[in-house]
């Protein structure tokens, strides 16, 4: 299935971000550590042109530790400052303020030469829907200053948040881009929940996820559901129906219920720490 989702409000949000980028020094881009490249909106590079940049690998606790490190190295080799983090638990948060200072060193030097002292860094926080921007800001600020939710599109407008005398953040809505050139990108975005679940077929999405898990994380799958894996992912989904007692009337397997269960288990980390794409794909 070809997954696409670009509602009208995202066009408006992109225009707003392009205008607001003139006001900021730094772009803080959150990506999902499970799909660091597929969760990068290519439009952000244009919006953030000539700005200092920081990438935060959010939800790193849900991704494979080995690949978190490899992805961090991948971005560092491209000259991008990067930090693994989990905005819900706060892990990695203490490193972000120093990272911002490092990213904006040239700004501080420029300000000093102009006689401008103590002007705070103004940073725009950007990312795709459901990547955790609002949770990150609330955690960073130590207070609930933005709306949060576990579905895409909670943040609708812009909000300025003054964290301290050194840093002001501009929260922005999560936006995707009009067309995913690679169908795998759309599929991965749907799996992590950045595309509205109401627009996808749960069983097709579940079998796509199962195909990856059977190939890359078979032991986690077998341990979680206490099943024997089948050659075909759809048959494995039927095995999950049996294991989790997901049946319709007449004892037919309830594939949709099992699919929703699988997706929830993956997104919450109950299956284990899983990465869905590797750096070598993007060399």
C-alpha atoms as a PDB file:
ATOM      1  CA  UNK A   1       0.000   0.000   0.000  1.00  0.00           C
ATOM      2  CA  UNK A   2       1.226   3.520  -0.823  1.00  0.00           C
ATOM      3  CA  UNK A   3       0.861   5.662   2.318  1.00  0.00           C
ATOM      4  CA  UNK A   4       0.372   9.402   1.823  1.00  0.00           C
ATOM      5  CA  UNK A   5      -1.043  12.035   4.196  1.00  0.00           C
ATOM      6  CA  UNK A   6      -0.807  15.787   3.663  1.00  0.00           C
ATOM      7  CA  UNK A   7      -3.877  17.597   5.009  1.00  0.00           C
ATOM      8  CA  UNK A   8      -4.413  21.239   4.112  1.00  0.00           C
ATOM      9  CA  UNK A   9      -3.313  22.671   7.453  1.00  0.00           C
ATOM     10  CA  UNK A  10       0.220  21.375   6.829  1.00  0.00           C
ATOM     11  CA  UNK A  11       0.607  23.669   3.797  1.00  0.00           C
ATOM     12  CA  UNK A  12      -0.373  26.633   5.960  1.00  0.00           C
ATOM     13  CA  UNK A  13       1.961  25.472   8.745  1.00  0.00           C
ATOM     14  CA  UNK A  14       4.882  25.162   6.334  1.00  0.00           C
ATOM     15  CA  UNK A  15       4.356  28.724   5.083  1.00  0.00           C
ATOM     16  CA  UNK A  16       4.189  29.969   8.667  1.00  0.00           C
ATOM     17  CA  UNK A  17       7.428  28.166   9.542  1.00  0.00           C
ATOM     18  CA  UNK A  18       9.180  29.618   6.495  1.00  0.00           C
ATOM     19  CA  UNK A  19       8.202  33.105   7.659  1.00  0.00           C
ATOM     20  CA  UNK A  20       9.098  32.456  11.305  1.00  0.00           C
ATOM     21  CA  UNK A  21      12.509  31.027  10.376  1.00  0.00           C
ATOM     22  CA  UNK A  22      13.622  34.623   9.821  1.00  0.00           C
ATOM     23  CA  UNK A  23      13.243  35.191  13.576  1.00  0.00           C
ATOM     24  CA  UNK A  24      15.404  32.313  14.814  1.00  0.00           C
ATOM     25  CA  UNK A  25      19.090  31.461  15.127  1.00  0.00           C
ATOM     26  CA  UNK A  26      18.791  27.702  15.469  1.00  0.00           C
ATOM     27  CA  UNK A  27      16.667  24.828  14.186  1.00  0.00           C
ATOM     28  CA  UNK A  28      16.201  21.981  16.695  1.00  0.00           C
ATOM     29  CA  UNK A  29      14.912  19.033  14.678  1.00  0.00           C
ATOM     30  CA  UNK A  30      13.398  16.046  16.457  1.00  0.00           C
ATOM     31  CA  UNK A  31      13.446  12.748  14.609  1.00  0.00           C
ATOM     32  CA  UNK A  32      12.215   9.325  15.695  1.00  0.00           C
ATOM     33  CA  UNK A  33      15.225   7.182  16.634  1.00  0.00           C
ATOM     34  CA  UNK A  34      13.499   4.111  15.160  1.00  0.00           C
ATOM     35  CA  UNK A  35      13.467   5.725  11.697  1.00  0.00           C
ATOM     36  CA  UNK A  36      15.897   8.663  11.837  1.00  0.00           C
ATOM     37  CA  UNK A  37      15.952   9.398   8.103  1.00  0.00           C
ATOM     38  CA  UNK A  38      12.385   8.474   7.187  1.00  0.00           C
ATOM     39  CA  UNK A  39      11.195  10.817   9.961  1.00  0.00           C
ATOM     40  CA  UNK A  40      13.178  13.773   8.583  1.00  0.00           C
ATOM     41  CA  UNK A  41      11.013  16.124   6.560  1.00  0.00           C
ATOM     42  CA  UNK A  42      13.153  17.198   3.564  1.00  0.00           C
ATOM     43  CA  UNK A  43      11.393  20.580   3.589  1.00  0.00           C
ATOM     44  CA  UNK A  44      13.115  21.369   6.899  1.00  0.00           C
ATOM     45  CA  UNK A  45      16.481  21.663   5.140  1.00  0.00           C
ATOM     46  CA  UNK A  46      15.063  24.462   3.009  1.00  0.00           C
ATOM     47  CA  UNK A  47      13.308  26.137   5.941  1.00  0.00           C
ATOM     48  CA  UNK A  48      16.486  25.889   8.038  1.00  0.00           C
ATOM     49  CA  UNK A  49      18.885  27.022   5.334  1.00  0.00           C
ATOM     50  CA  UNK A  50      21.689  29.174   6.786  1.00  0.00           C
ATOM     51  CA  UNK A  51      20.586  28.410  10.354  1.00  0.00           C
ATOM     52  CA  UNK A  52      22.510  26.529  13.012  1.00  0.00           C
ATOM     53  CA  UNK A  53      21.208  22.976  13.311  1.00  0.00           C
ATOM     54  CA  UNK A  54      20.790  20.326  16.012  1.00  0.00           C
ATOM     55  CA  UNK A  55      19.185  16.888  15.550  1.00  0.00           C
ATOM     56  CA  UNK A  56      17.640  15.071  18.513  1.00  0.00           C
ATOM     57  CA  UNK A  57      17.111  11.312  18.236  1.00  0.00           C
ATOM     58  CA  UNK A  58      13.927  11.180  20.299  1.00  0.00           C
ATOM     59  CA  UNK A  59      12.325   7.972  21.611  1.00  0.00           C
ATOM     60  CA  UNK A  60      15.804   6.450  21.696  1.00  0.00           C
ATOM     61  CA  UNK A  61      14.591   4.133  24.461  1.00  0.00           C
ATOM     62  CA  UNK A  62      12.321   2.414  21.902  1.00  0.00           C
ATOM     63  CA  UNK A  63      15.085   1.933  19.334  1.00  0.00           C
ATOM     64  CA  UNK A  64      17.914  -0.603  19.246  1.00  0.00           C
ATOM     65  CA  UNK A  65      20.897   0.711  21.259  1.00  0.00           C
ATOM     66  CA  UNK A  66      23.435  -0.459  18.684  1.00  0.00           C
ATOM     67  CA  UNK A  67      21.730   1.446  15.893  1.00  0.00           C
ATOM     68  CA  UNK A  68      21.185   4.537  18.044  1.00  0.00           C
ATOM     69  CA  UNK A  69      24.977   4.797  18.272  1.00  0.00           C
ATOM     70  CA  UNK A  70      25.423   4.123  14.547  1.00  0.00           C
ATOM     71  CA  UNK A  71      22.846   6.753  13.630  1.00  0.00           C
ATOM     72  CA  UNK A  72      24.466   9.303  15.953  1.00  0.00           C
ATOM     73  CA  UNK A  73      27.800   8.638  14.214  1.00  0.00           C
ATOM     74  CA  UNK A  74      26.095   8.934  10.822  1.00  0.00           C
ATOM     75  CA  UNK A  75      24.888  12.471  11.555  1.00  0.00           C
ATOM     76  CA  UNK A  76      28.135  13.518  13.247  1.00  0.00           C
ATOM     77  CA  UNK A  77      30.078  12.464  10.151  1.00  0.00           C
ATOM     78  CA  UNK A  78      27.894  14.854   8.173  1.00  0.00           C
ATOM     79  CA  UNK A  79      28.834  17.685  10.541  1.00  0.00           C
ATOM     80  CA  UNK A  80      25.508  17.747  12.412  1.00  0.00           C
ATOM     81  CA  UNK A  81      25.338  18.015  16.197  1.00  0.00           C
ATOM     82  CA  UNK A  82      23.184  15.173  17.513  1.00  0.00           C
ATOM     83  CA  UNK A  83      21.876  13.842  20.831  1.00  0.00           C
ATOM     84  CA  UNK A  84      20.055  10.637  21.739  1.00  0.00           C
ATOM     85  CA  UNK A  85      17.183  11.358  24.104  1.00  0.00           C
ATOM     86  CA  UNK A  86      13.846  10.341  25.546  1.00  0.00           C
ATOM     87  CA  UNK A  87      11.673  13.364  26.175  1.00  0.00           C
ATOM     88  CA  UNK A  88       9.222  11.420  28.367  1.00  0.00           C
ATOM     89  CA  UNK A  89      11.779  10.097  30.851  1.00  0.00           C
ATOM     90  CA  UNK A  90      14.113  13.078  30.507  1.00  0.00           C
ATOM     91  CA  UNK A  91      17.099  10.928  29.529  1.00  0.00           C
ATOM     92  CA  UNK A  92      19.612  12.982  27.554  1.00  0.00           C
ATOM     93  CA  UNK A  93      17.876  16.287  28.325  1.00  0.00           C
ATOM     94  CA  UNK A  94      20.743  17.683  30.428  1.00  0.00           C
ATOM     95  CA  UNK A  95      23.005  17.565  27.374  1.00  0.00           C
ATOM     96  CA  UNK A  96      20.783  19.709  25.170  1.00  0.00           C
ATOM     97  CA  UNK A  97      21.549  23.169  26.587  1.00  0.00           C
ATOM     98  CA  UNK A  98      25.329  22.625  26.135  1.00  0.00           C
ATOM     99  CA  UNK A  99      24.614  21.310  22.632  1.00  0.00           C
ATOM    100  CA  UNK A 100      22.674  24.485  21.815  1.00  0.00           C
ATOM    101  CA  UNK A 101      25.567  26.597  23.099  1.00  0.00           C
ATOM    102  CA  UNK A 102      28.015  24.618  20.974  1.00  0.00           C
ATOM    103  CA  UNK A 103      25.837  24.906  17.868  1.00  0.00           C
ATOM    104  CA  UNK A 104      25.523  28.678  18.260  1.00  0.00           C
ATOM    105  CA  UNK A 105      29.147  29.451  19.096  1.00  0.00           C
ATOM    106  CA  UNK A 106      29.564  31.477  15.917  1.00  0.00           C
ATOM    107  CA  UNK A 107      26.480  33.538  16.831  1.00  0.00           C
ATOM    108  CA  UNK A 108      27.909  34.384  20.251  1.00  0.00           C
ATOM    109  CA  UNK A 109      31.177  35.453  18.681  1.00  0.00           C
ATOM    110  CA  UNK A 110      29.362  37.589  16.118  1.00  0.00           C
ATOM    111  CA  UNK A 111      27.243  39.201  18.850  1.00  0.00           C
ATOM    112  CA  UNK A 112      30.319  39.912  20.943  1.00  0.00           C
ATOM    113  CA  UNK A 113      32.054  41.699  18.065  1.00  0.00           C
ATOM    114  CA  UNK A 114      28.936  43.826  17.564  1.00  0.00           C
ATOM    115  CA  UNK A 115      28.745  44.679  21.243  1.00  0.00           C
ATOM    116  CA  UNK A 116      25.547  42.672  21.742  1.00  0.00           C
ATOM    117  CA  UNK A 117      25.597  40.925  25.101  1.00  0.00           C
ATOM    118  CA  UNK A 118      23.344  38.249  26.585  1.00  0.00           C
ATOM    119  CA  UNK A 119      20.814  38.059  23.752  1.00  0.00           C
ATOM    120  CA  UNK A 120      19.099  34.677  24.125  1.00  0.00           C
ATOM    121  CA  UNK A 121      19.282  32.054  21.420  1.00  0.00           C
ATOM    122  CA  UNK A 122      15.980  31.796  19.585  1.00  0.00           C
ATOM    123  CA  UNK A 123      15.360  28.230  18.434  1.00  0.00           C
ATOM    124  CA  UNK A 124      12.586  26.741  16.325  1.00  0.00           C
ATOM    125  CA  UNK A 125      11.592  23.201  17.329  1.00  0.00           C
ATOM    126  CA  UNK A 126      10.525  21.222  14.262  1.00  0.00           C
ATOM    127  CA  UNK A 127       9.584  17.663  13.355  1.00  0.00           C
ATOM    128  CA  UNK A 128       6.966  15.410  11.849  1.00  0.00           C
ATOM    129  CA  UNK A 129       3.633  14.650  13.590  1.00  0.00           C
ATOM    130  CA  UNK A 130       3.821  12.532  16.741  1.00  0.00           C
ATOM    131  CA  UNK A 131       7.601  12.762  17.051  1.00  0.00           C
ATOM    132  CA  UNK A 132       7.331  14.252  20.552  1.00  0.00           C
ATOM    133  CA  UNK A 133       8.072  17.969  20.120  1.00  0.00           C
ATOM    134  CA  UNK A 134       5.601  19.203  22.720  1.00  0.00           C
ATOM    135  CA  UNK A 135       6.651  16.557  25.263  1.00  0.00           C
ATOM    136  CA  UNK A 136      10.269  17.550  24.644  1.00  0.00           C
ATOM    137  CA  UNK A 137       9.543  21.232  25.286  1.00  0.00           C
ATOM    138  CA  UNK A 138       7.565  20.492  28.441  1.00  0.00           C
ATOM    139  CA  UNK A 139      10.351  18.253  29.733  1.00  0.00           C
ATOM    140  CA  UNK A 140      13.041  20.779  28.805  1.00  0.00           C
ATOM    141  CA  UNK A 141      11.138  23.613  30.463  1.00  0.00           C
ATOM    142  CA  UNK A 142      10.220  21.527  33.506  1.00  0.00           C
ATOM    143  CA  UNK A 143       6.589  22.510  33.261  1.00  0.00           C
ATOM    144  CA  UNK A 144       3.527  21.848  31.124  1.00  0.00           C
ATOM    145  CA  UNK A 145       3.685  24.766  28.705  1.00  0.00           C
ATOM    146  CA  UNK A 146       2.431  23.100  25.511  1.00  0.00           C
ATOM    147  CA  UNK A 147      -0.313  20.657  24.667  1.00  0.00           C
ATOM    148  CA  UNK A 148       0.772  17.052  24.274  1.00  0.00           C
ATOM    149  CA  UNK A 149      -0.894  13.935  22.938  1.00  0.00           C
ATOM    150  CA  UNK A 150      -0.179  10.518  21.498  1.00  0.00           C
ATOM    151  CA  UNK A 151      -1.720  11.260  18.139  1.00  0.00           C
ATOM    152  CA  UNK A 152      -0.445  13.360  15.235  1.00  0.00           C
ATOM    153  CA  UNK A 153      -1.496  16.972  14.904  1.00  0.00           C
ATOM    154  CA  UNK A 154      -1.978  18.065  18.527  1.00  0.00           C
ATOM    155  CA  UNK A 155      -0.004  21.298  18.037  1.00  0.00           C
ATOM    156  CA  UNK A 156      -1.939  23.498  15.594  1.00  0.00           C
ATOM    157  CA  UNK A 157      -0.306  26.933  15.922  1.00  0.00           C
ATOM    158  CA  UNK A 158       2.971  28.452  17.017  1.00  0.00           C
ATOM    159  CA  UNK A 159       3.985  29.087  20.630  1.00  0.00           C
ATOM    160  CA  UNK A 160       7.020  30.942  21.990  1.00  0.00           C
ATOM    161  CA  UNK A 161       8.393  29.543  25.240  1.00  0.00           C
ATOM    162  CA  UNK A 162      11.109  31.343  27.203  1.00  0.00           C
ATOM    163  CA  UNK A 163      13.085  28.637  28.976  1.00  0.00           C
ATOM    164  CA  UNK A 164      15.706  30.844  30.625  1.00  0.00           C
ATOM    165  CA  UNK A 165      17.726  33.967  29.935  1.00  0.00           C
ATOM    166  CA  UNK A 166      19.786  32.063  27.362  1.00  0.00           C
ATOM    167  CA  UNK A 167      17.165  30.275  25.292  1.00  0.00           C
ATOM    168  CA  UNK A 168      13.725  30.854  23.781  1.00  0.00           C
ATOM    169  CA  UNK A 169      11.913  28.102  21.884  1.00  0.00           C
ATOM    170  CA  UNK A 170       9.310  28.365  19.156  1.00  0.00           C
ATOM    171  CA  UNK A 171       7.066  25.314  19.069  1.00  0.00           C
ATOM    172  CA  UNK A 172       5.626  24.485  15.652  1.00  0.00           C
ATOM    173  CA  UNK A 173       3.029  22.063  14.291  1.00  0.00           C
ATOM    174  CA  UNK A 174       4.214  18.682  13.041  1.00  0.00           C
ATOM    175  CA  UNK A 175       4.302  18.634   9.266  1.00  0.00           C
ATOM    176  CA  UNK A 176       4.906  15.979   6.636  1.00  0.00           C
ATOM    177  CA  UNK A 177       5.691  16.636   2.992  1.00  0.00           C
ATOM    178  CA  UNK A 178       3.379  16.303  -0.022  1.00  0.00           C
ATOM    179  CA  UNK A 179       4.760  13.095  -1.562  1.00  0.00           C
ATOM    180  CA  UNK A 180       6.871  10.249  -0.219  1.00  0.00           C
ATOM    181  CA  UNK A 181       9.100   9.296  -3.127  1.00  0.00           C
ATOM    182  CA  UNK A 182      10.040   5.987  -1.481  1.00  0.00           C
ATOM    183  CA  UNK A 183       6.989   3.904  -0.447  1.00  0.00           C
ATOM    184  CA  UNK A 184       9.012   2.463   2.443  1.00  0.00           C
ATOM    185  CA  UNK A 185       9.202   5.936   3.997  1.00  0.00           C
ATOM    186  CA  UNK A 186       5.406   6.253   4.069  1.00  0.00           C
ATOM    187  CA  UNK A 187       5.088   2.731   5.435  1.00  0.00           C
ATOM    188  CA  UNK A 188       7.544   3.412   8.263  1.00  0.00           C
ATOM    189  CA  UNK A 189       5.848   6.694   9.130  1.00  0.00           C
ATOM    190  CA  UNK A 190       2.525   4.852   9.357  1.00  0.00           C
ATOM    191  CA  UNK A 191       4.064   2.154  11.568  1.00  0.00           C
ATOM    192  CA  UNK A 192       5.348   4.644  14.162  1.00  0.00           C
ATOM    193  CA  UNK A 193       2.018   6.522  14.149  1.00  0.00           C
ATOM    194  CA  UNK A 194       2.930   9.719  12.273  1.00  0.00           C
ATOM    195  CA  UNK A 195       0.184   9.093   9.718  1.00  0.00           C
ATOM    196  CA  UNK A 196      -3.380   9.120  10.975  1.00  0.00           C
ATOM    197  CA  UNK A 197      -4.336   5.515  11.806  1.00  0.00           C
ATOM    198  CA  UNK A 198      -7.798   6.108  10.378  1.00  0.00           C
ATOM    199  CA  UNK A 199      -6.268   6.377   6.896  1.00  0.00           C
ATOM    200  CA  UNK A 200      -4.491   2.998   6.854  1.00  0.00           C
ATOM    201  CA  UNK A 201      -5.518  -0.652   6.814  1.00  0.00           C
ATOM    202  CA  UNK A 202      -4.413  -2.074  10.157  1.00  0.00           C
ATOM    203  CA  UNK A 203      -3.823  -5.608   8.875  1.00  0.00           C
ATOM    204  CA  UNK A 204      -1.675  -4.441   5.939  1.00  0.00           C
ATOM    205  CA  UNK A 205       0.392  -2.261   8.240  1.00  0.00           C
ATOM    206  CA  UNK A 206       0.736  -5.072  10.780  1.00  0.00           C
ATOM    207  CA  UNK A 207       1.926  -7.582   8.185  1.00  0.00           C
ATOM    208  CA  UNK A 208       4.475  -5.060   6.893  1.00  0.00           C
ATOM    209  CA  UNK A 209       5.801  -4.659  10.437  1.00  0.00           C
ATOM    210  CA  UNK A 210       5.761  -8.422  10.990  1.00  0.00           C
ATOM    211  CA  UNK A 211       7.784  -9.000   7.825  1.00  0.00           C
ATOM    212  CA  UNK A 212      10.517  -6.738   9.232  1.00  0.00           C
ATOM    213  CA  UNK A 213      10.378  -8.230  12.708  1.00  0.00           C
ATOM    214  CA  UNK A 214      10.596 -11.796  11.365  1.00  0.00           C
ATOM    215  CA  UNK A 215      13.673 -10.855   9.379  1.00  0.00           C
ATOM    216  CA  UNK A 216      15.508  -8.664  11.907  1.00  0.00           C
ATOM    217  CA  UNK A 217      14.083  -9.398  15.368  1.00  0.00           C
ATOM    218  CA  UNK A 218      12.616 -12.931  15.276  1.00  0.00           C
ATOM    219  CA  UNK A 219      13.535 -13.800  18.862  1.00  0.00           C
ATOM    220  CA  UNK A 220      11.788 -10.725  20.270  1.00  0.00           C
ATOM    221  CA  UNK A 221       8.680 -11.641  18.307  1.00  0.00           C
ATOM    222  CA  UNK A 222       8.664 -15.250  19.473  1.00  0.00           C
ATOM    223  CA  UNK A 223       9.278 -14.265  23.089  1.00  0.00           C
ATOM    224  CA  UNK A 224       6.547 -11.635  23.190  1.00  0.00           C
ATOM    225  CA  UNK A 225       3.786 -13.764  21.646  1.00  0.00           C
ATOM    226  CA  UNK A 226       4.995 -17.279  22.429  1.00  0.00           C
ATOM    227  CA  UNK A 227       4.513 -18.387  18.829  1.00  0.00           C
ATOM    228  CA  UNK A 228       6.332 -20.203  16.078  1.00  0.00           C
ATOM    229  CA  UNK A 229       7.002 -17.880  13.159  1.00  0.00           C
ATOM    230  CA  UNK A 230       5.569 -18.785   9.771  1.00  0.00           C
ATOM    231  CA  UNK A 231       7.213 -18.133   6.440  1.00  0.00           C
ATOM    232  CA  UNK A 232       4.440 -15.703   5.516  1.00  0.00           C
ATOM    233  CA  UNK A 233       3.862 -12.667   7.760  1.00  0.00           C
ATOM    234  CA  UNK A 234       0.102 -12.920   7.307  1.00  0.00           C
ATOM    235  CA  UNK A 235       0.184 -16.456   8.708  1.00  0.00           C
ATOM    236  CA  UNK A 236       2.257 -15.208  11.634  1.00  0.00           C
ATOM    237  CA  UNK A 237      -0.471 -12.652  12.292  1.00  0.00           C
ATOM    238  CA  UNK A 238      -2.936 -15.547  12.477  1.00  0.00           C
ATOM    239  CA  UNK A 239      -0.642 -17.192  15.038  1.00  0.00           C
ATOM    240  CA  UNK A 240      -0.793 -13.998  17.119  1.00  0.00           C
ATOM    241  CA  UNK A 241      -4.596 -14.188  16.924  1.00  0.00           C
ATOM    242  CA  UNK A 242      -4.440 -17.650  18.472  1.00  0.00           C
ATOM    243  CA  UNK A 243      -1.852 -16.690  21.080  1.00  0.00           C
ATOM    244  CA  UNK A 244      -3.776 -13.594  22.158  1.00  0.00           C
ATOM    245  CA  UNK A 245      -7.263 -15.153  21.788  1.00  0.00           C
ATOM    246  CA  UNK A 246      -8.355 -12.693  19.105  1.00  0.00           C
ATOM    247  CA  UNK A 247     -11.379 -14.385  17.527  1.00  0.00           C
ATOM    248  CA  UNK A 248     -14.572 -13.385  15.807  1.00  0.00           C
ATOM    249  CA  UNK A 249     -17.825 -15.290  16.253  1.00  0.00           C
ATOM    250  CA  UNK A 250     -17.398 -18.817  14.981  1.00  0.00           C
ATOM    251  CA  UNK A 251     -13.751 -18.909  16.060  1.00  0.00           C
ATOM    252  CA  UNK A 252     -12.505 -17.120  12.933  1.00  0.00           C
ATOM    253  CA  UNK A 253      -9.286 -15.179  13.617  1.00  0.00           C
ATOM    254  CA  UNK A 254      -9.878 -11.478  14.336  1.00  0.00           C
ATOM    255  CA  UNK A 255      -6.994 -10.138  12.263  1.00  0.00           C
ATOM    256  CA  UNK A 256      -7.885  -6.474  12.766  1.00  0.00           C
ATOM    257  CA  UNK A 257      -7.876  -6.789  16.536  1.00  0.00           C
ATOM    258  CA  UNK A 258      -4.574  -8.668  16.486  1.00  0.00           C
ATOM    259  CA  UNK A 259      -3.161  -6.035  14.128  1.00  0.00           C
ATOM    260  CA  UNK A 260      -4.080  -3.199  16.473  1.00  0.00           C
ATOM    261  CA  UNK A 261      -2.590  -5.151  19.371  1.00  0.00           C
ATOM    262  CA  UNK A 262       0.676  -5.664  17.496  1.00  0.00           C
ATOM    263  CA  UNK A 263       0.940  -1.992  16.546  1.00  0.00           C
ATOM    264  CA  UNK A 264       0.292  -0.876  20.117  1.00  0.00           C
ATOM    265  CA  UNK A 265       2.880  -3.339  21.437  1.00  0.00           C
ATOM    266  CA  UNK A 266       5.462  -2.060  18.952  1.00  0.00           C
ATOM    267  CA  UNK A 267       4.799   1.632  19.563  1.00  0.00           C
ATOM    268  CA  UNK A 268       4.938   1.244  23.337  1.00  0.00           C
ATOM    269  CA  UNK A 269       8.134  -0.825  23.255  1.00  0.00           C
ATOM    270  CA  UNK A 270       6.524  -3.978  24.673  1.00  0.00           C
ATOM    271  CA  UNK A 271       8.016  -6.147  21.940  1.00  0.00           C
ATOM    272  CA  UNK A 272      11.480  -4.716  22.577  1.00  0.00           C
ATOM    273  CA  UNK A 273      13.869  -2.054  21.317  1.00  0.00           C
ATOM    274  CA  UNK A 274      13.488  -2.050  17.546  1.00  0.00           C
ATOM    275  CA  UNK A 275      14.986   0.048  14.759  1.00  0.00           C
ATOM    276  CA  UNK A 276      13.259  -0.047  11.378  1.00  0.00           C
ATOM    277  CA  UNK A 277      16.023   1.340   9.167  1.00  0.00           C
ATOM    278  CA  UNK A 278      19.811   1.317   9.165  1.00  0.00           C
ATOM    279  CA  UNK A 279      22.380   3.951   8.122  1.00  0.00           C
ATOM    280  CA  UNK A 280      23.761   1.874   5.260  1.00  0.00           C
ATOM    281  CA  UNK A 281      20.457   2.382   3.411  1.00  0.00           C
ATOM    282  CA  UNK A 282      21.210   6.125   3.238  1.00  0.00           C
ATOM    283  CA  UNK A 283      24.901   6.175   2.341  1.00  0.00           C
END
